[in-house]
Amino acid sequence: MGLEAILLQAFDVKGLAFYLIPLVVGAAGYFSGRYSTRISEWIKGPALDEAEAKKLAAKRTNEHLKLFASFCNTVGAAIIGAALIVPYLTQHNTSLDAPAFVWGLFGAALHIVGHGSLRFMRSEG
């Protein structure tokens, strides 16, 4: 069997699975016996009592809310900039057409949604 045939077999989906499955299964068997406690703690996290679990859940919720608020603020500011500021700077026209005004309102609404979503943050203490 030539090098070209070996490479074709290795990069074939079935050929790649043929080589990788025993490797993955063997590594999983090796690590499951030797590092099972560390791997399960890494995957699931350490065992927590009820108070620590609630605190961790509140932190996760708060981080998700902050990310959502940041996303809404950024997209809202980009829409406002694209709809209102860029046409003013390029055309030096102070009058707004209807689509630009509607997009500006949509950007402002997204900005308000971002700020409003922070009201749902939970206490971590």
N, C-alpha and C. Protein backbone atom coordinates (compact mmCIF):
# COMPACT_ATOMS: atom_id res chain seq x y z
N MET A 1 0.86 -1.17 0.00
CA MET A 1 0.00 0.00 0.00
C MET A 1 0.90 1.23 0.00
N GLY A 2 0.70 2.14 -0.94
CA GLY A 2 1.53 3.31 -1.08
C GLY A 2 1.12 4.42 -0.13
N LEU A 3 1.93 5.43 -0.05
CA LEU A 3 1.68 6.57 0.82
C LEU A 3 0.40 7.30 0.43
N GLU A 4 0.15 7.41 -0.86
CA GLU A 4 -1.06 8.08 -1.33
C GLU A 4 -2.31 7.34 -0.86
N ALA A 5 -2.31 6.03 -0.93
CA ALA A 5 -3.46 5.24 -0.49
C ALA A 5 -3.66 5.36 1.01
N ILE A 6 -2.57 5.38 1.77
CA ILE A 6 -2.68 5.53 3.23
C ILE A 6 -3.26 6.89 3.58
N LEU A 7 -2.80 7.95 2.91
CA LEU A 7 -3.33 9.29 3.17
C LEU A 7 -4.79 9.39 2.78
N LEU A 8 -5.17 8.81 1.66
CA LEU A 8 -6.58 8.83 1.26
C LEU A 8 -7.44 8.09 2.26
N GLN A 9 -6.95 6.97 2.78
CA GLN A 9 -7.71 6.22 3.76
C GLN A 9 -7.79 6.98 5.08
N ALA A 10 -6.72 7.63 5.47
CA ALA A 10 -6.70 8.35 6.75
C ALA A 10 -7.63 9.55 6.72
N PHE A 11 -7.70 10.24 5.58
CA PHE A 11 -8.55 11.42 5.52
C PHE A 11 -9.96 11.14 5.03
N ASP A 12 -10.24 9.90 4.73
CA ASP A 12 -11.61 9.48 4.44
C ASP A 12 -12.36 9.47 5.76
N VAL A 13 -13.64 9.80 5.74
CA VAL A 13 -14.40 9.87 6.98
C VAL A 13 -14.40 8.53 7.71
N LYS A 14 -14.62 7.46 6.98
CA LYS A 14 -14.63 6.14 7.60
C LYS A 14 -13.23 5.77 8.06
N GLY A 15 -12.22 6.09 7.27
CA GLY A 15 -10.85 5.77 7.64
C GLY A 15 -10.40 6.54 8.86
N LEU A 16 -10.79 7.82 8.94
CA LEU A 16 -10.44 8.63 10.09
C LEU A 16 -11.11 8.09 11.35
N ALA A 17 -12.36 7.71 11.23
CA ALA A 17 -13.05 7.12 12.38
C ALA A 17 -12.39 5.81 12.78
N PHE A 18 -11.93 5.05 11.80
CA PHE A 18 -11.28 3.78 12.07
C PHE A 18 -10.03 3.98 12.93
N TYR A 19 -9.30 5.06 12.71
CA TYR A 19 -8.09 5.32 13.48
C TYR A 19 -8.37 6.05 14.78
N LEU A 20 -9.37 6.92 14.81
CA LEU A 20 -9.60 7.74 15.99
C LEU A 20 -10.41 7.07 17.08
N ILE A 21 -11.37 6.23 16.72
CA ILE A 21 -12.24 5.63 17.74
C ILE A 21 -11.44 4.81 18.76
N PRO A 22 -10.55 3.92 18.35
CA PRO A 22 -9.78 3.19 19.37
C PRO A 22 -8.92 4.11 20.22
N LEU A 23 -8.40 5.16 19.63
CA LEU A 23 -7.58 6.10 20.38
C LEU A 23 -8.41 6.82 21.44
N VAL A 24 -9.58 7.29 21.07
CA VAL A 24 -10.44 8.01 22.01
C VAL A 24 -10.95 7.07 23.10
N VAL A 25 -11.36 5.87 22.71
CA VAL A 25 -11.87 4.91 23.70
C VAL A 25 -10.76 4.51 24.67
N GLY A 26 -9.58 4.29 24.14
CA GLY A 26 -8.47 3.92 25.01
C GLY A 26 -8.09 5.03 25.95
N ALA A 27 -8.06 6.27 25.45
CA ALA A 27 -7.73 7.41 26.31
C ALA A 27 -8.81 7.62 27.36
N ALA A 28 -10.07 7.46 26.97
CA ALA A 28 -11.15 7.63 27.94
C ALA A 28 -11.06 6.56 29.02
N GLY A 29 -10.76 5.34 28.65
CA GLY A 29 -10.61 4.29 29.65
C GLY A 29 -9.45 4.55 30.57
N TYR A 30 -8.36 5.04 30.04
CA TYR A 30 -7.19 5.32 30.86
C TYR A 30 -7.48 6.46 31.83
N PHE A 31 -8.05 7.55 31.30
CA PHE A 31 -8.28 8.71 32.16
C PHE A 31 -9.44 8.50 33.12
N SER A 32 -10.42 7.67 32.74
CA SER A 32 -11.55 7.47 33.64
C SER A 32 -11.13 6.73 34.90
N GLY A 33 -10.19 5.83 34.79
CA GLY A 33 -9.73 5.14 35.98
C GLY A 33 -8.77 5.96 36.80
N ARG A 34 -7.92 6.69 36.13
CA ARG A 34 -6.85 7.39 36.84
C ARG A 34 -7.28 8.77 37.34
N TYR A 35 -8.07 9.47 36.56
CA TYR A 35 -8.42 10.84 36.90
C TYR A 35 -9.92 11.05 37.04
N SER A 36 -10.65 10.04 37.40
CA SER A 36 -12.11 10.14 37.37
C SER A 36 -12.63 11.22 38.31
N THR A 37 -12.05 11.36 39.49
CA THR A 37 -12.54 12.36 40.42
C THR A 37 -12.25 13.76 39.89
N ARG A 38 -11.06 13.98 39.40
CA ARG A 38 -10.71 15.31 38.89
C ARG A 38 -11.50 15.66 37.64
N ILE A 39 -11.70 14.70 36.76
CA ILE A 39 -12.46 14.97 35.54
C ILE A 39 -13.92 15.25 35.86
N SER A 40 -14.52 14.48 36.77
CA SER A 40 -15.92 14.72 37.10
C SER A 40 -16.09 16.06 37.80
N GLU A 41 -15.12 16.47 38.64
CA GLU A 41 -15.21 17.79 39.25
C GLU A 41 -15.04 18.88 38.21
N TRP A 42 -14.17 18.63 37.23
CA TRP A 42 -13.97 19.62 36.19
C TRP A 42 -15.22 19.76 35.33
N ILE A 43 -15.90 18.64 35.04
CA ILE A 43 -17.10 18.68 34.21
C ILE A 43 -18.29 19.22 35.00
N LYS A 44 -18.54 18.65 36.15
CA LYS A 44 -19.71 19.03 36.93
C LYS A 44 -19.44 20.15 37.92
N GLY A 45 -18.17 20.36 38.26
CA GLY A 45 -17.83 21.32 39.30
C GLY A 45 -17.84 20.62 40.64
N PRO A 46 -17.22 21.24 41.63
CA PRO A 46 -17.18 20.61 42.94
C PRO A 46 -18.57 20.56 43.57
N ALA A 47 -18.74 19.63 44.48
CA ALA A 47 -20.03 19.50 45.16
C ALA A 47 -20.29 20.75 45.99
N LEU A 48 -21.48 21.33 45.87
CA LEU A 48 -21.82 22.57 46.57
C LEU A 48 -22.99 22.34 47.49
N ASP A 49 -23.00 23.06 48.61
CA ASP A 49 -24.19 23.01 49.45
C ASP A 49 -25.25 23.94 48.84
N GLU A 50 -26.41 24.00 49.44
CA GLU A 50 -27.54 24.71 48.84
C GLU A 50 -27.28 26.21 48.72
N ALA A 51 -26.68 26.82 49.73
CA ALA A 51 -26.42 28.26 49.69
C ALA A 51 -25.42 28.62 48.59
N GLU A 52 -24.36 27.81 48.47
CA GLU A 52 -23.37 28.08 47.44
C GLU A 52 -23.95 27.85 46.04
N ALA A 53 -24.83 26.86 45.92
CA ALA A 53 -25.46 26.59 44.63
C ALA A 53 -26.35 27.75 44.21
N LYS A 54 -27.10 28.33 45.16
CA LYS A 54 -27.95 29.48 44.84
C LYS A 54 -27.11 30.69 44.46
N LYS A 55 -25.99 30.87 45.17
CA LYS A 55 -25.11 31.99 44.85
C LYS A 55 -24.51 31.84 43.46
N LEU A 56 -24.10 30.61 43.13
CA LEU A 56 -23.55 30.35 41.80
C LEU A 56 -24.60 30.54 40.72
N ALA A 57 -25.83 30.11 40.98
CA ALA A 57 -26.91 30.29 40.01
C ALA A 57 -27.20 31.78 39.80
N ALA A 58 -27.16 32.56 40.89
CA ALA A 58 -27.39 34.00 40.76
C ALA A 58 -26.27 34.65 39.97
N LYS A 59 -25.03 34.21 40.19
CA LYS A 59 -23.91 34.77 39.42
C LYS A 59 -24.05 34.46 37.94
N ARG A 60 -24.44 33.22 37.64
CA ARG A 60 -24.62 32.85 36.23
C ARG A 60 -25.72 33.68 35.58
N THR A 61 -26.84 33.82 36.28
CA THR A 61 -27.95 34.60 35.75
C THR A 61 -27.53 36.04 35.52
N ASN A 62 -26.81 36.60 36.49
CA ASN A 62 -26.37 37.99 36.36
C ASN A 62 -25.40 38.17 35.20
N GLU A 63 -24.50 37.23 35.01
CA GLU A 63 -23.57 37.33 33.89
C GLU A 63 -24.30 37.24 32.56
N HIS A 64 -25.29 36.37 32.47
CA HIS A 64 -26.08 36.26 31.23
C HIS A 64 -26.84 37.55 30.97
N LEU A 65 -27.40 38.13 32.04
CA LEU A 65 -28.14 39.39 31.87
C LEU A 65 -27.21 40.52 31.45
N LYS A 66 -26.01 40.56 32.02
CA LYS A 66 -25.06 41.60 31.64
C LYS A 66 -24.63 41.45 30.18
N LEU A 67 -24.42 40.21 29.75
CA LEU A 67 -24.07 39.99 28.35
C LEU A 67 -25.21 40.41 27.42
N PHE A 68 -26.44 40.07 27.79
CA PHE A 68 -27.59 40.46 26.98
C PHE A 68 -27.73 41.97 26.93
N ALA A 69 -27.55 42.64 28.08
CA ALA A 69 -27.66 44.10 28.12
C ALA A 69 -26.57 44.74 27.27
N SER A 70 -25.37 44.20 27.35
CA SER A 70 -24.27 44.73 26.55
C SER A 70 -24.54 44.55 25.06
N PHE A 71 -25.07 43.39 24.68
CA PHE A 71 -25.41 43.13 23.29
C PHE A 71 -26.46 44.13 22.80
N CYS A 72 -27.53 44.31 23.58
CA CYS A 72 -28.60 45.23 23.17
C CYS A 72 -28.08 46.66 23.06
N ASN A 73 -27.26 47.08 24.02
CA ASN A 73 -26.72 48.44 23.97
C ASN A 73 -25.82 48.63 22.75
N THR A 74 -24.98 47.66 22.47
CA THR A 74 -24.05 47.79 21.35
C THR A 74 -24.79 47.80 20.02
N VAL A 75 -25.73 46.89 19.85
CA VAL A 75 -26.49 46.84 18.60
C VAL A 75 -27.36 48.09 18.46
N GLY A 76 -27.96 48.52 19.57
CA GLY A 76 -28.77 49.74 19.52
C GLY A 76 -27.95 50.96 19.13
N ALA A 77 -26.75 51.09 19.71
CA ALA A 77 -25.89 52.22 19.37
C ALA A 77 -25.43 52.14 17.92
N ALA A 78 -25.15 50.94 17.42
CA ALA A 78 -24.74 50.79 16.02
C ALA A 78 -25.88 51.17 15.08
N ILE A 79 -27.10 50.77 15.43
CA ILE A 79 -28.25 51.11 14.58
C ILE A 79 -28.49 52.62 14.59
N ILE A 80 -28.40 53.24 15.76
CA ILE A 80 -28.57 54.69 15.83
C ILE A 80 -27.50 55.39 15.01
N GLY A 81 -26.27 54.91 15.12
CA GLY A 81 -25.19 55.51 14.35
C GLY A 81 -25.40 55.36 12.85
N ALA A 82 -25.83 54.17 12.44
CA ALA A 82 -26.01 53.92 11.00
C ALA A 82 -27.23 54.67 10.47
N ALA A 83 -28.27 54.82 11.28
CA ALA A 83 -29.50 55.43 10.78
C ALA A 83 -29.50 56.95 10.88
N LEU A 84 -28.85 57.49 11.90
CA LEU A 84 -28.96 58.93 12.12
C LEU A 84 -27.65 59.68 11.91
N ILE A 85 -26.57 59.18 12.48
CA ILE A 85 -25.32 59.94 12.47
C ILE A 85 -24.62 59.88 11.12
N VAL A 86 -24.52 58.70 10.54
CA VAL A 86 -23.80 58.55 9.27
C VAL A 86 -24.47 59.36 8.15
N PRO A 87 -25.79 59.31 7.97
CA PRO A 87 -26.38 60.14 6.91
C PRO A 87 -26.17 61.64 7.14
N TYR A 88 -26.18 62.06 8.40
CA TYR A 88 -25.94 63.49 8.68
C TYR A 88 -24.52 63.88 8.30
N LEU A 89 -23.55 63.05 8.63
CA LEU A 89 -22.16 63.37 8.34
C LEU A 89 -21.83 63.29 6.85
N THR A 90 -22.46 62.36 6.15
CA THR A 90 -22.14 62.21 4.73
C THR A 90 -22.90 63.19 3.85
N GLN A 91 -24.15 63.50 4.19
CA GLN A 91 -24.97 64.36 3.34
C GLN A 91 -25.13 65.77 3.90
N HIS A 92 -24.77 65.98 5.15
CA HIS A 92 -24.94 67.27 5.83
C HIS A 92 -26.39 67.75 5.74
N ASN A 93 -27.28 66.79 5.88
CA ASN A 93 -28.70 67.07 5.77
C ASN A 93 -29.31 66.89 7.16
N THR A 94 -29.97 67.90 7.67
CA THR A 94 -30.55 67.81 9.01
C THR A 94 -31.95 67.22 9.02
N SER A 95 -32.58 67.09 7.86
CA SER A 95 -33.92 66.51 7.83
C SER A 95 -33.82 64.98 7.82
N LEU A 96 -34.73 64.34 8.53
CA LEU A 96 -34.75 62.88 8.62
C LEU A 96 -35.83 62.32 7.72
N ASP A 97 -35.52 61.29 6.97
CA ASP A 97 -36.56 60.61 6.23
C ASP A 97 -37.19 59.56 7.16
N ALA A 98 -38.32 59.02 6.75
CA ALA A 98 -39.08 58.11 7.61
C ALA A 98 -38.32 56.84 7.97
N PRO A 99 -37.66 56.14 7.04
CA PRO A 99 -36.94 54.91 7.43
C PRO A 99 -35.82 55.18 8.42
N ALA A 100 -35.11 56.27 8.25
CA ALA A 100 -34.03 56.58 9.19
C ALA A 100 -34.60 56.84 10.58
N PHE A 101 -35.72 57.54 10.64
CA PHE A 101 -36.34 57.82 11.93
C PHE A 101 -36.82 56.54 12.60
N VAL A 102 -37.42 55.63 11.82
CA VAL A 102 -37.89 54.36 12.38
C VAL A 102 -36.72 53.52 12.87
N TRP A 103 -35.62 53.46 12.10
CA TRP A 103 -34.44 52.73 12.54
C TRP A 103 -33.83 53.36 13.79
N GLY A 104 -33.86 54.67 13.87
CA GLY A 104 -33.37 55.35 15.07
C GLY A 104 -34.20 55.00 16.28
N LEU A 105 -35.52 54.95 16.11
CA LEU A 105 -36.40 54.54 17.22
C LEU A 105 -36.14 53.08 17.62
N PHE A 106 -35.91 52.22 16.63
CA PHE A 106 -35.62 50.82 16.93
C PHE A 106 -34.30 50.70 17.71
N GLY A 107 -33.30 51.47 17.32
CA GLY A 107 -32.03 51.46 18.05
C GLY A 107 -32.21 51.97 19.47
N ALA A 108 -33.00 53.01 19.64
CA ALA A 108 -33.26 53.53 20.98
C ALA A 108 -34.04 52.52 21.81
N ALA A 109 -34.97 51.82 21.19
CA ALA A 109 -35.73 50.79 21.92
C ALA A 109 -34.81 49.66 22.37
N LEU A 110 -33.88 49.24 21.52
CA LEU A 110 -32.92 48.22 21.93
C LEU A 110 -32.06 48.70 23.08
N HIS A 111 -31.66 49.95 23.05
CA HIS A 111 -30.88 50.51 24.13
C HIS A 111 -31.67 50.49 25.44
N ILE A 112 -32.94 50.82 25.37
CA ILE A 112 -33.80 50.81 26.56
C ILE A 112 -34.00 49.38 27.06
N VAL A 113 -34.16 48.43 26.15
CA VAL A 113 -34.29 47.02 26.54
C VAL A 113 -33.03 46.56 27.27
N GLY A 114 -31.87 46.97 26.79
CA GLY A 114 -30.62 46.63 27.45
C GLY A 114 -30.57 47.14 28.87
N HIS A 115 -30.97 48.39 29.06
CA HIS A 115 -30.99 48.94 30.41
C HIS A 115 -32.06 48.28 31.27
N GLY A 116 -33.20 48.01 30.69
CA GLY A 116 -34.28 47.38 31.45
C GLY A 116 -33.97 45.96 31.87
N SER A 117 -33.19 45.25 31.07
CA SER A 117 -32.88 43.87 31.42
C SER A 117 -32.02 43.77 32.68
N LEU A 118 -31.29 44.84 33.00
CA LEU A 118 -30.46 44.82 34.20
C LEU A 118 -31.29 44.86 35.48
N ARG A 119 -32.55 45.23 35.37
CA ARG A 119 -33.44 45.23 36.54
C ARG A 119 -33.73 43.82 37.05
N PHE A 120 -33.48 42.81 36.21
CA PHE A 120 -33.78 41.44 36.60
C PHE A 120 -32.60 40.74 37.27
N MET A 121 -31.55 41.51 37.58
CA MET A 121 -30.39 40.89 38.23
C MET A 121 -30.78 40.42 39.64
N ARG A 122 -30.18 39.31 40.03
CA ARG A 122 -30.49 38.70 41.33
C ARG A 122 -29.38 39.01 42.31
N SER A 123 -29.74 39.02 43.57
CA SER A 123 -28.76 39.25 44.63
C SER A 123 -27.87 38.02 44.78
N GLU A 124 -26.56 38.26 44.89
CA GLU A 124 -25.61 37.15 45.03
C GLU A 124 -25.27 36.86 46.47
N GLY A 125 -25.81 37.62 47.39
CA GLY A 125 -25.44 37.45 48.79
C GLY A 125 -26.42 36.68 49.60
